[in-house]
Amino acid sequence: MPRATTTLTVRLSGALSDFVAENVGETGEYENVSEYIRDLIRRDKERKDQASFERLEAELARAFAAPDSSYRPLRAVDVIARNRA
């Protein structure tokens, strides 16, 4: 299934506009503003994904470091009910 394309309009002025102009075109890393914005969004998504992964990794490390006596048996039906609540 094809993904939808979203068109955005962003108004920039002053220092922000100058900064974008420095990064686009012959003098910048990007051919056009759209390419620059897409890269910024991708980087932000990667940063958020990495932060989520690190939180999960830390939670799993704490769980695996816990003594066996802290665990209690659970039935699958109980876990499903807990997650639906």
C-alpha atoms as a PDB file:
ATOM      1  CA  MET A   1       0.000   0.000   0.000  1.00  0.00           C
ATOM      2  CA  PRO A   2       1.547   3.349  -1.035  1.00  0.00           C
ATOM      3  CA  ARG A   3       2.201   5.880   1.656  1.00  0.00           C
ATOM      4  CA  ALA A   4       0.601   9.302   1.517  1.00  0.00           C
ATOM      5  CA  THR A   5       2.679  12.345   0.714  1.00  0.00           C
ATOM      6  CA  THR A   6       2.254  15.377   2.920  1.00  0.00           C
ATOM      7  CA  THR A   7       2.980  18.869   1.699  1.00  0.00           C
ATOM      8  CA  LEU A   8       3.960  21.362   4.364  1.00  0.00           C
ATOM      9  CA  THR A   9       4.403  25.098   4.260  1.00  0.00           C
ATOM     10  CA  VAL A  10       6.918  26.528   6.695  1.00  0.00           C
ATOM     11  CA  ARG A  11       7.690  30.197   7.143  1.00  0.00           C
ATOM     12  CA  LEU A  12      11.170  31.104   8.290  1.00  0.00           C
ATOM     13  CA  SER A  13      12.682  34.512   8.731  1.00  0.00           C
ATOM     14  CA  GLY A  14      15.861  36.085   9.957  1.00  0.00           C
ATOM     15  CA  ALA A  15      18.522  33.837  11.393  1.00  0.00           C
ATOM     16  CA  LEU A  16      16.581  30.611  10.721  1.00  0.00           C
ATOM     17  CA  SER A  17      16.081  31.479   7.059  1.00  0.00           C
ATOM     18  CA  ASP A  18      19.754  32.409   6.733  1.00  0.00           C
ATOM     19  CA  PHE A  19      20.805  29.164   8.393  1.00  0.00           C
ATOM     20  CA  VAL A  20      18.703  27.080   5.991  1.00  0.00           C
ATOM     21  CA  ALA A  21      20.072  29.026   3.027  1.00  0.00           C
ATOM     22  CA  GLU A  22      23.626  28.247   4.177  1.00  0.00           C
ATOM     23  CA  ASN A  23      22.846  24.517   4.119  1.00  0.00           C
ATOM     24  CA  VAL A  24      21.060  24.410   0.760  1.00  0.00           C
ATOM     25  CA  GLY A  25      22.237  24.956  -2.797  1.00  0.00           C
ATOM     26  CA  GLU A  26      25.740  25.324  -4.175  1.00  0.00           C
ATOM     27  CA  THR A  27      27.243  26.270  -0.822  1.00  0.00           C
ATOM     28  CA  GLY A  28      25.414  23.717   1.329  1.00  0.00           C
ATOM     29  CA  GLU A  29      25.154  19.989   1.853  1.00  0.00           C
ATOM     30  CA  TYR A  30      21.637  19.731   0.398  1.00  0.00           C
ATOM     31  CA  GLU A  31      20.312  20.366  -3.084  1.00  0.00           C
ATOM     32  CA  ASN A  32      17.027  21.824  -1.876  1.00  0.00           C
ATOM     33  CA  VAL A  33      15.080  22.729   1.239  1.00  0.00           C
ATOM     34  CA  SER A  34      12.869  19.629   1.034  1.00  0.00           C
ATOM     35  CA  GLU A  35      15.909  17.350   1.117  1.00  0.00           C
ATOM     36  CA  TYR A  36      17.247  19.259   4.137  1.00  0.00           C
ATOM     37  CA  ILE A  37      13.937  19.075   6.039  1.00  0.00           C
ATOM     38  CA  ARG A  38      13.558  15.348   5.297  1.00  0.00           C
ATOM     39  CA  ASP A  39      17.055  14.728   6.666  1.00  0.00           C
ATOM     40  CA  LEU A  40      16.302  16.740   9.818  1.00  0.00           C
ATOM     41  CA  ILE A  41      13.115  14.739  10.383  1.00  0.00           C
ATOM     42  CA  ARG A  42      14.928  11.427   9.805  1.00  0.00           C
ATOM     43  CA  ARG A  43      17.632  12.410  12.296  1.00  0.00           C
ATOM     44  CA  ASP A  44      15.046  13.428  14.892  1.00  0.00           C
ATOM     45  CA  LYS A  45      13.211  10.132  14.401  1.00  0.00           C
ATOM     46  CA  GLU A  46      16.464   8.187  14.771  1.00  0.00           C
ATOM     47  CA  ARG A  47      17.266  10.129  17.965  1.00  0.00           C
ATOM     48  CA  LYS A  48      13.855   9.337  19.449  1.00  0.00           C
ATOM     49  CA  ASP A  49      14.069   5.691  18.389  1.00  0.00           C
ATOM     50  CA  GLN A  50      17.522   5.440  19.979  1.00  0.00           C
ATOM     51  CA  ALA A  51      16.261   7.004  23.223  1.00  0.00           C
ATOM     52  CA  SER A  52      13.356   4.514  23.315  1.00  0.00           C
ATOM     53  CA  PHE A  53      15.737   1.633  22.712  1.00  0.00           C
ATOM     54  CA  GLU A  54      18.044   2.827  25.500  1.00  0.00           C
ATOM     55  CA  ARG A  55      15.110   3.061  27.942  1.00  0.00           C
ATOM     56  CA  LEU A  56      14.029  -0.471  27.019  1.00  0.00           C
ATOM     57  CA  GLU A  57      17.594  -1.744  27.298  1.00  0.00           C
ATOM     58  CA  ALA A  58      17.948  -0.193  30.779  1.00  0.00           C
ATOM     59  CA  GLU A  59      14.625  -1.684  31.901  1.00  0.00           C
ATOM     60  CA  LEU A  60      15.656  -5.129  30.664  1.00  0.00           C
ATOM     61  CA  ALA A  61      19.046  -4.825  32.376  1.00  0.00           C
ATOM     62  CA  ARG A  62      17.280  -4.018  35.668  1.00  0.00           C
ATOM     63  CA  ALA A  63      14.906  -6.954  35.190  1.00  0.00           C
ATOM     64  CA  PHE A  64      17.711  -9.417  34.454  1.00  0.00           C
ATOM     65  CA  ALA A  65      19.721  -8.126  37.419  1.00  0.00           C
ATOM     66  CA  ALA A  66      16.828  -8.658  39.848  1.00  0.00           C
ATOM     67  CA  PRO A  67      17.069 -11.679  42.125  1.00  0.00           C
ATOM     68  CA  ASP A  68      14.990 -14.701  41.165  1.00  0.00           C
ATOM     69  CA  SER A  69      12.999 -14.298  44.378  1.00  0.00           C
ATOM     70  CA  SER A  70      11.512 -11.053  43.023  1.00  0.00           C
ATOM     71  CA  TYR A  71       9.796 -12.865  40.160  1.00  0.00           C
ATOM     72  CA  ARG A  72       6.365 -14.364  40.432  1.00  0.00           C
ATOM     73  CA  PRO A  73       4.672 -16.726  38.000  1.00  0.00           C
ATOM     74  CA  LEU A  74       2.038 -15.235  35.722  1.00  0.00           C
ATOM     75  CA  ARG A  75      -0.462 -16.853  33.431  1.00  0.00           C
ATOM     76  CA  ALA A  76      -0.674 -15.553  29.866  1.00  0.00           C
ATOM     77  CA  VAL A  77      -4.310 -14.611  30.386  1.00  0.00           C
ATOM     78  CA  ASP A  78      -3.306 -12.425  33.359  1.00  0.00           C
ATOM     79  CA  VAL A  79      -0.618 -10.629  31.334  1.00  0.00           C
ATOM     80  CA  ILE A  80      -3.057  -9.988  28.487  1.00  0.00           C
ATOM     81  CA  ALA A  81      -5.676  -8.640  30.900  1.00  0.00           C
ATOM     82  CA  ARG A  82      -3.074  -6.388  32.565  1.00  0.00           C
ATOM     83  CA  ASN A  83      -1.948  -5.005  29.219  1.00  0.00           C
ATOM     84  CA  ARG A  84      -5.508  -4.251  28.118  1.00  0.00           C
ATOM     85  CA  ALA A  85      -6.230  -2.252  31.267  1.00  0.00           C
END
